[in-house]
Amino acid sequence: MVRTLVYKALRHRHFWREIQFDELSELYANMLLRSLANNVLFVFVPFFLYQQGYSIQQLFLMYACFFGARVIGDVAGGYLVARIGPKHAQISSVFLQIVSAAQFLTVPDYKWSIVQLGAVWGFAASLYFIAHHVQFSKIKHTVHAGKELGYMNIMTQIGAFIGPLVGGLVGNYLNSKYIFLIAAGILIASLWPLFQSAEPVRINQQLHFRALPLRKIKRDLMSYGFLGVENTLCINLWPLYISIFVFTSGVYVKLGILTSLSVAFAIFFSYFIGRTIDIRNARLILRTAAVLNACVYGVRPFVQSVTGVFAVNLANEGLTSSYRMPYTKGMYAAADDLPGLRIVYIVVMEVFCSVMKGLFWLLMAGLTLLFAPKTVIFIGFMIAAVASLGIMTERYKVLAR
């Protein structure tokens, strides 16, 4: 049903993709459902674990374990995609995500270690993102990739709009454990669109990592690492900070509603950005957004009210779409320029990014030995600001047009 609705809503806007739009609509539908499940669940993970007695240092170490597992999982995911195709790899990732959700669900009973929580979650994420990048970079339209990324971002944002509302209301008025049950159910539903067509890439491929020209892609690697560091610190530190130090009551419902309201703005903004970067000024948009995003991090430590949280969320959603969509278009175009090495390129990019993110979370955990948790979070915001500026080190050819 979701796939049908997506097809009807967007079909007339993809007239250049009449033959292949069925496949694209399946990817949109899958992204919508996965985004919904993840935003029902993972927006609330830091505060939920904090409530269960995990310290700030343990939370940071869990994220370090998450990205440590992703270093291995990214490589394994690449081989899996090459062997069975991206759709089947995504299906495998969903089952691991359900296991991960079950672990979080049973934390009050079993007190899982941070290594167990981070590792399963990390492997599931690796299988999904490697498969997703390979699939979308393969089936996208070269000329209209920006529009298609815009629609993909809209699907993600719709899930990000509904998910926190559902999770927040459930966590506040029922029981936070039910959040994980709902997320698992949606993840199962997200499998359906993937069964509707064949794999978009050749299966049983051989991966040749030595053939990848590392000197040619060194700026890709560095800029993607900066993007990943900024993204992970924003997604995980900000909800933790406002949950503990800003909100005094009704944390789940306030966090859910404010997140959803700010995402609603990004839904409309994504369409505009997607159309614009296909025509002109893609690099200018990216760099302007990266600089403004860095400035927003300077404001975050001073936010002490619900109104302030909403204003920062609103700015963050618009700016994230503005730098991330041009960047992703550039990365996918770079993958197109490496015939036969698409999977290898994406795997190496993800591995490098995971290493950088894991190291920064280890740094954050180490800083908790020297400073109070609130101070460490503020330092994290400053690191994210520098990382946002680092995104501008990219030199993707397609963004210069």
Protein backbone atom coordinates (compact mmCIF):
# COMPACT_ATOMS: atom_id res chain seq x y z
CA MET A 1 0.00 0.00 0.00
CA VAL A 2 2.79 2.44 0.89
CA ARG A 3 4.57 1.68 -2.37
CA THR A 4 1.34 2.32 -4.34
CA LEU A 5 0.74 5.65 -2.62
CA VAL A 6 4.31 6.75 -3.21
CA TYR A 7 4.05 5.75 -6.88
CA LYS A 8 0.81 7.69 -7.42
CA ALA A 9 2.11 10.75 -5.60
CA LEU A 10 5.42 11.04 -7.45
CA ARG A 11 4.92 9.27 -10.79
CA HIS A 12 3.99 12.39 -12.76
CA ARG A 13 7.07 14.19 -11.42
CA HIS A 14 9.40 11.47 -12.72
CA PHE A 15 8.32 11.50 -16.36
CA TRP A 16 11.95 10.92 -17.40
CA ARG A 17 11.97 7.67 -15.42
CA GLU A 18 8.75 6.09 -16.73
CA ILE A 19 10.28 2.67 -17.33
CA GLN A 20 12.17 2.35 -14.07
CA PHE A 21 10.05 4.34 -11.66
CA ASP A 22 8.53 1.19 -10.14
CA GLU A 23 11.98 0.30 -8.81
CA LEU A 24 12.58 3.82 -7.57
CA SER A 25 9.19 3.96 -5.84
CA GLU A 26 10.05 0.74 -4.00
CA LEU A 27 13.20 2.38 -2.69
CA TYR A 28 11.23 5.47 -1.63
CA ALA A 29 8.65 3.33 0.19
CA ASN A 30 11.32 1.29 1.94
CA MET A 31 13.12 4.46 3.04
CA LEU A 32 9.89 5.96 4.38
CA LEU A 33 9.11 2.90 6.51
CA ARG A 34 12.69 2.46 7.70
CA SER A 35 12.93 6.13 8.61
CA LEU A 36 9.64 5.85 10.49
CA ALA A 37 10.88 2.83 12.46
CA ASN A 38 14.24 4.39 13.26
CA ASN A 39 12.71 7.67 14.39
CA VAL A 40 10.15 5.88 16.55
CA LEU A 41 13.12 4.20 18.18
CA PHE A 42 16.53 5.83 18.06
CA VAL A 43 15.61 9.46 18.84
CA PHE A 44 14.86 8.20 22.35
CA VAL A 45 17.68 5.66 22.82
CA PRO A 46 20.16 7.92 24.67
CA PHE A 47 17.61 9.13 27.24
CA PHE A 48 16.06 5.67 27.60
CA LEU A 49 19.45 4.11 28.41
CA TYR A 50 20.28 7.00 30.74
CA GLN A 51 17.03 6.30 32.57
CA GLN A 52 18.04 2.64 32.90
CA GLY A 53 21.19 3.58 34.80
CA TYR A 54 23.80 3.75 32.01
CA SER A 55 26.26 6.60 32.58
CA ILE A 56 27.12 9.29 30.03
CA GLN A 57 30.52 7.66 29.59
CA GLN A 58 28.88 4.28 28.89
CA LEU A 59 26.61 5.88 26.29
CA PHE A 60 29.62 7.37 24.51
CA LEU A 61 31.42 4.03 24.63
CA MET A 62 28.33 2.33 23.19
CA TYR A 63 28.53 4.66 20.17
CA ALA A 64 32.24 3.88 19.87
CA CYS A 65 31.34 0.16 19.83
CA PHE A 66 28.61 0.91 17.29
CA PHE A 67 31.08 2.43 14.85
CA GLY A 68 33.76 -0.12 15.65
CA ALA A 69 31.29 -2.80 14.59
CA ARG A 70 30.48 -0.77 11.50
CA VAL A 71 34.10 -0.84 10.33
CA ILE A 72 33.83 -4.62 10.13
CA GLY A 73 30.19 -4.56 9.05
CA ASP A 74 30.85 -2.14 6.18
CA VAL A 75 33.36 -4.54 4.63
CA ALA A 76 31.10 -7.54 5.26
CA GLY A 77 28.18 -5.57 3.82
CA GLY A 78 30.15 -4.85 0.66
CA TYR A 79 30.88 -8.52 0.09
CA LEU A 80 27.26 -9.41 0.87
CA VAL A 81 25.93 -6.84 -1.62
CA ALA A 82 28.37 -8.10 -4.26
CA ARG A 83 27.26 -11.67 -3.62
CA ILE A 84 23.46 -11.44 -3.24
CA GLY A 85 22.60 -7.87 -4.30
CA PRO A 86 21.58 -4.75 -2.34
CA LYS A 87 17.93 -5.67 -1.86
CA HIS A 88 18.71 -9.00 -0.23
CA ALA A 89 21.39 -7.32 1.89
CA GLN A 90 18.80 -4.79 3.08
CA ILE A 91 16.46 -7.62 3.99
CA SER A 92 19.26 -9.16 6.08
CA SER A 93 19.82 -5.80 7.77
CA VAL A 94 16.17 -5.56 8.80
CA PHE A 95 16.35 -8.82 10.72
CA LEU A 96 19.45 -7.58 12.54
CA GLN A 97 17.66 -4.29 13.28
CA ILE A 98 14.80 -6.24 14.82
CA VAL A 99 17.29 -8.12 17.01
CA SER A 100 18.78 -4.75 18.00
CA ALA A 101 15.33 -3.37 18.86
CA ALA A 102 14.66 -6.48 20.94
CA GLN A 103 17.87 -5.88 22.87
CA PHE A 104 16.85 -2.32 23.71
CA LEU A 105 13.38 -3.56 24.62
CA THR A 106 14.82 -6.01 27.17
CA VAL A 107 17.46 -3.70 28.64
CA PRO A 108 15.46 -3.28 31.89
CA ASP A 109 15.47 -7.07 32.33
CA TYR A 110 18.89 -8.12 31.06
CA LYS A 111 21.07 -5.00 31.32
CA TRP A 112 22.88 -5.79 28.06
CA SER A 113 26.48 -4.62 27.89
CA ILE A 114 27.30 -1.58 25.79
CA VAL A 115 29.40 -3.80 23.51
CA GLN A 116 26.41 -6.04 22.75
CA LEU A 117 24.05 -3.13 22.22
CA GLY A 118 26.47 -1.23 19.99
CA ALA A 119 27.74 -4.19 17.95
CA VAL A 120 24.36 -5.58 16.81
CA TRP A 121 23.03 -2.11 16.06
CA GLY A 122 26.22 -1.28 14.14
CA PHE A 123 26.19 -4.41 11.97
CA ALA A 124 22.53 -3.80 11.08
CA ALA A 125 23.29 -0.20 10.08
CA SER A 126 26.27 -1.24 7.95
CA LEU A 127 24.32 -3.79 5.94
CA TYR A 128 21.59 -1.28 5.26
CA PHE A 129 23.63 1.77 4.33
CA ILE A 130 26.09 -0.05 2.07
CA ALA A 131 23.16 -1.64 0.23
CA HIS A 132 21.19 1.60 0.07
CA HIS A 133 24.07 3.65 -1.36
CA VAL A 134 24.88 1.01 -3.96
CA GLN A 135 21.25 0.64 -5.03
CA PHE A 136 20.35 4.32 -5.22
CA SER A 137 23.61 5.36 -6.88
CA LYS A 138 22.96 2.68 -9.51
CA ILE A 139 19.32 3.43 -10.38
CA LYS A 140 19.33 7.23 -10.04
CA HIS A 141 18.96 9.41 -13.13
CA THR A 142 22.23 11.18 -13.94
CA VAL A 143 20.71 14.55 -14.91
CA HIS A 144 17.91 14.60 -12.33
CA ALA A 145 19.74 13.05 -9.40
CA GLY A 146 19.10 16.13 -7.27
CA LYS A 147 15.33 15.84 -7.66
CA GLU A 148 15.43 12.16 -6.86
CA LEU A 149 17.57 12.81 -3.79
CA GLY A 150 15.05 15.49 -2.84
CA TYR A 151 12.19 13.00 -2.98
CA MET A 152 14.27 10.44 -1.09
CA ASN A 153 14.96 13.02 1.58
CA ILE A 154 11.25 13.84 1.73
CA MET A 155 10.48 10.16 2.37
CA THR A 156 13.08 10.16 5.12
CA GLN A 157 11.67 13.33 6.63
CA ILE A 158 8.09 12.08 6.57
CA GLY A 159 9.26 9.12 8.64
CA ALA A 160 11.22 11.52 10.84
CA PHE A 161 8.05 13.62 11.29
CA ILE A 162 5.70 10.79 12.27
CA GLY A 163 8.20 8.63 14.16
CA PRO A 164 9.11 10.95 17.03
CA LEU A 165 5.43 11.84 17.54
CA VAL A 166 4.47 8.19 17.84
CA GLY A 167 7.48 7.29 19.99
CA GLY A 168 7.08 10.33 22.22
CA LEU A 169 3.40 9.77 22.92
CA VAL A 170 3.89 6.05 23.52
CA GLY A 171 6.89 6.61 25.79
CA ASN A 172 5.13 9.31 27.78
CA TYR A 173 1.62 7.89 28.18
CA LEU A 174 2.12 4.12 27.96
CA ASN A 175 5.55 2.59 28.53
CA SER A 176 8.87 3.37 26.87
CA LYS A 177 9.34 -0.36 26.19
CA TYR A 178 6.46 -0.28 23.70
CA ILE A 179 8.50 2.09 21.51
CA PHE A 180 10.77 -0.81 20.56
CA LEU A 181 7.85 -3.15 19.81
CA ILE A 182 6.29 -0.63 17.44
CA ALA A 183 9.63 -0.04 15.72
CA ALA A 184 10.13 -3.78 15.18
CA GLY A 185 6.68 -4.07 13.59
CA ILE A 186 7.37 -1.21 11.17
CA LEU A 187 10.74 -2.71 10.25
CA ILE A 188 9.01 -5.94 9.26
CA ALA A 189 6.57 -3.93 7.11
CA SER A 190 9.51 -2.20 5.39
CA LEU A 191 10.52 -5.52 3.84
CA TRP A 192 7.49 -5.63 1.54
CA PRO A 193 8.63 -3.03 -1.05
CA LEU A 194 11.95 -4.85 -1.49
CA PHE A 195 10.23 -7.99 -2.79
CA GLN A 196 8.57 -6.22 -5.73
CA SER A 197 11.37 -6.32 -8.33
CA ALA A 198 14.69 -7.93 -9.14
CA GLU A 199 18.11 -6.79 -7.97
CA PRO A 200 19.32 -3.60 -9.75
CA VAL A 201 22.96 -4.70 -9.92
CA ARG A 202 24.78 -7.82 -11.06
CA ILE A 203 25.18 -10.39 -8.28
CA ASN A 204 28.10 -12.77 -7.59
CA GLN A 205 30.59 -9.96 -8.22
CA GLN A 206 34.24 -9.92 -7.17
CA LEU A 207 35.49 -6.94 -5.20
CA HIS A 208 38.93 -5.52 -6.11
CA PHE A 209 39.98 -3.11 -3.39
CA ARG A 210 43.51 -2.68 -4.74
CA ALA A 211 42.12 -1.25 -7.96
CA LEU A 212 40.59 1.73 -6.16
CA PRO A 213 42.64 4.92 -6.83
CA LEU A 214 42.99 6.17 -3.24
CA ARG A 215 44.98 9.25 -4.28
CA LYS A 216 42.11 10.30 -6.52
CA ILE A 217 39.47 9.99 -3.80
CA LYS A 218 41.42 11.29 -0.78
CA ARG A 219 39.32 14.46 -0.60
CA ASP A 220 36.15 12.36 -0.88
CA LEU A 221 37.30 10.32 2.11
CA MET A 222 38.26 13.28 4.27
CA SER A 223 35.14 15.32 3.58
CA TYR A 224 32.87 12.30 4.10
CA GLY A 225 34.59 11.62 7.40
CA PHE A 226 33.91 15.20 8.52
CA LEU A 227 30.28 14.89 7.41
CA GLY A 228 29.89 11.69 9.40
CA VAL A 229 31.42 13.14 12.57
CA GLU A 230 29.14 16.19 12.41
CA ASN A 231 26.12 14.03 11.74
CA THR A 232 26.68 11.52 14.55
CA LEU A 233 27.45 14.16 17.17
CA CYS A 234 24.36 16.15 16.19
CA ILE A 235 21.96 13.20 16.06
CA ASN A 236 23.08 11.70 19.36
CA LEU A 237 24.45 14.53 21.53
CA TRP A 238 21.67 17.07 20.99
CA PRO A 239 18.74 14.84 22.13
CA LEU A 240 20.82 13.70 25.11
CA TYR A 241 21.63 17.27 26.12
CA ILE A 242 18.08 18.61 25.93
CA SER A 243 16.63 15.48 27.56
CA ILE A 244 18.86 15.79 30.63
CA PHE A 245 19.68 19.50 30.96
CA VAL A 246 16.77 21.40 29.34
CA PHE A 247 13.54 19.45 29.78
CA THR A 248 12.44 18.91 33.37
CA SER A 249 9.34 16.79 32.72
CA GLY A 250 7.50 15.02 29.91
CA VAL A 251 10.78 14.35 28.14
CA TYR A 252 9.48 11.77 25.66
CA VAL A 253 6.51 13.78 24.44
CA LYS A 254 8.40 17.11 24.30
CA LEU A 255 11.33 15.57 22.43
CA GLY A 256 8.98 13.82 20.02
CA ILE A 257 6.77 16.82 19.26
CA LEU A 258 9.62 19.31 18.86
CA THR A 259 11.57 16.95 16.61
CA SER A 260 8.52 16.33 14.43
CA LEU A 261 7.60 20.00 14.09
CA SER A 262 11.08 20.97 12.95
CA VAL A 263 11.21 18.07 10.50
CA ALA A 264 7.95 19.26 8.91
CA PHE A 265 9.83 22.33 7.71
CA ALA A 266 12.57 20.18 6.18
CA ILE A 267 10.04 18.20 4.13
CA PHE A 268 9.18 21.26 2.08
CA PHE A 269 12.76 22.52 2.06
CA SER A 270 14.08 19.23 0.62
CA TYR A 271 12.00 19.60 -2.54
CA PHE A 272 13.37 23.09 -3.18
CA ILE A 273 16.99 22.07 -2.58
CA GLY A 274 16.65 18.95 -4.74
CA ARG A 275 15.44 20.98 -7.72
CA THR A 276 18.02 23.72 -7.24
CA ILE A 277 21.14 21.53 -7.10
CA ASP A 278 20.24 19.98 -10.48
CA ILE A 279 20.36 23.41 -12.08
CA ARG A 280 23.05 25.55 -10.43
CA ASN A 281 24.97 26.58 -7.32
CA ALA A 282 25.19 23.11 -5.73
CA ARG A 283 28.62 23.79 -4.21
CA LEU A 284 27.63 27.29 -3.07
CA ILE A 285 24.56 25.86 -1.32
CA LEU A 286 26.68 23.17 0.36
CA ARG A 287 29.32 25.59 1.62
CA THR A 288 26.85 28.21 2.82
CA ALA A 289 24.90 25.58 4.74
CA ALA A 290 28.07 24.09 6.24
CA VAL A 291 29.23 27.48 7.57
CA LEU A 292 25.81 28.41 8.97
CA ASN A 293 25.51 24.96 10.52
CA ALA A 294 28.82 25.49 12.30
CA CYS A 295 27.47 28.76 13.68
CA VAL A 296 24.38 27.01 15.04
CA TYR A 297 26.63 24.77 17.15
CA GLY A 298 27.89 27.89 18.88
CA VAL A 299 24.34 28.59 20.02
CA ARG A 300 23.42 25.12 21.29
CA PRO A 301 25.19 25.32 24.71
CA PHE A 302 23.13 28.42 25.58
CA VAL A 303 19.72 26.88 24.84
CA GLN A 304 17.70 26.57 28.03
CA SER A 305 14.06 26.63 26.89
CA VAL A 306 11.59 24.73 24.72
CA THR A 307 11.45 27.70 22.34
CA GLY A 308 15.23 27.65 21.97
CA VAL A 309 15.23 23.92 21.27
CA PHE A 310 12.60 24.38 18.57
CA ALA A 311 14.54 27.21 16.92
CA VAL A 312 17.77 25.18 16.84
CA ASN A 313 15.94 22.11 15.52
CA LEU A 314 14.34 24.19 12.77
CA ALA A 315 17.67 25.66 11.67
CA ASN A 316 19.41 22.28 11.88
CA GLU A 317 16.90 20.47 9.68
CA GLY A 318 17.06 23.06 6.92
CA LEU A 319 20.84 23.35 6.97
CA THR A 320 21.41 19.59 7.11
CA SER A 321 19.29 19.09 3.99
CA SER A 322 21.15 21.95 2.28
CA TYR A 323 24.63 20.47 2.67
CA ARG A 324 23.81 16.77 2.71
CA MET A 325 21.84 16.57 -0.53
CA PRO A 326 24.47 18.29 -2.73
CA TYR A 327 27.16 16.22 -1.03
CA THR A 328 25.33 12.94 -1.66
CA LYS A 329 24.78 13.89 -5.29
CA GLY A 330 28.51 14.49 -5.63
CA MET A 331 29.41 11.20 -3.96
CA TYR A 332 27.06 9.19 -6.18
CA ALA A 333 28.46 10.91 -9.29
CA ALA A 334 31.98 9.99 -8.13
CA ALA A 335 30.86 6.36 -7.84
CA ASP A 336 29.60 6.54 -11.44
CA ASP A 337 33.06 7.66 -12.54
CA LEU A 338 34.65 4.46 -11.21
CA PRO A 339 33.30 1.69 -13.48
CA GLY A 340 33.30 -1.71 -11.81
CA LEU A 341 34.34 -0.19 -8.48
CA ARG A 342 31.03 1.24 -7.25
CA ILE A 343 30.69 -1.15 -4.30
CA VAL A 344 34.39 -0.90 -3.41
CA TYR A 345 34.25 2.91 -3.45
CA ILE A 346 31.18 3.04 -1.20
CA VAL A 347 32.62 0.46 1.22
CA VAL A 348 35.92 2.34 1.57
CA MET A 349 34.07 5.64 2.08
CA GLU A 350 31.87 4.11 4.79
CA VAL A 351 34.78 2.36 6.52
CA PHE A 352 36.84 5.56 6.70
CA CYS A 353 33.81 7.48 7.98
CA SER A 354 33.08 4.81 10.62
CA VAL A 355 36.70 4.91 11.83
CA MET A 356 36.57 8.68 12.27
CA LYS A 357 33.23 8.56 14.08
CA GLY A 358 34.37 5.75 16.36
CA LEU A 359 37.55 7.63 17.29
CA PHE A 360 35.63 10.78 18.15
CA TRP A 361 33.23 8.86 20.41
CA LEU A 362 36.25 7.32 22.16
CA LEU A 363 37.60 10.84 22.61
CA MET A 364 34.26 11.94 24.07
CA ALA A 365 34.28 8.99 26.49
CA GLY A 366 37.84 9.85 27.55
CA LEU A 367 36.89 13.48 28.18
CA THR A 368 34.31 12.35 30.75
CA LEU A 369 37.26 11.35 32.96
CA LEU A 370 38.44 14.96 32.99
CA PHE A 371 35.29 17.07 32.79
CA ALA A 372 31.66 17.08 33.90
CA PRO A 373 29.20 15.49 31.41
CA LYS A 374 27.65 18.84 30.47
CA THR A 375 31.06 20.30 29.67
CA VAL A 376 31.94 17.25 27.55
CA ILE A 377 28.74 17.67 25.56
CA PHE A 378 29.61 21.32 24.94
CA ILE A 379 33.06 20.25 23.71
CA GLY A 380 31.29 17.78 21.43
CA PHE A 381 29.26 20.62 19.93
CA MET A 382 32.46 22.53 19.18
CA ILE A 383 34.01 19.45 17.53
CA ALA A 384 30.87 19.12 15.41
CA ALA A 385 31.17 22.77 14.36
CA VAL A 386 34.73 22.20 13.13
CA ALA A 387 33.60 19.01 11.35
CA SER A 388 30.81 20.95 9.62
CA LEU A 389 33.42 23.30 8.16
CA GLY A 390 35.51 20.28 7.15
CA ILE A 391 32.74 19.12 4.80
CA MET A 392 33.84 21.92 2.47
CA THR A 393 37.04 20.02 1.64
CA GLU A 394 35.10 18.02 -0.98
CA ARG A 395 35.96 18.51 -4.65
CA TYR A 396 33.24 16.60 -6.49
CA LYS A 397 33.27 17.55 -10.16
CA VAL A 398 29.51 17.45 -10.59
CA LEU A 399 29.05 20.19 -7.97
CA ALA A 400 31.19 22.62 -9.96
CA ARG A 401 28.75 22.71 -12.90
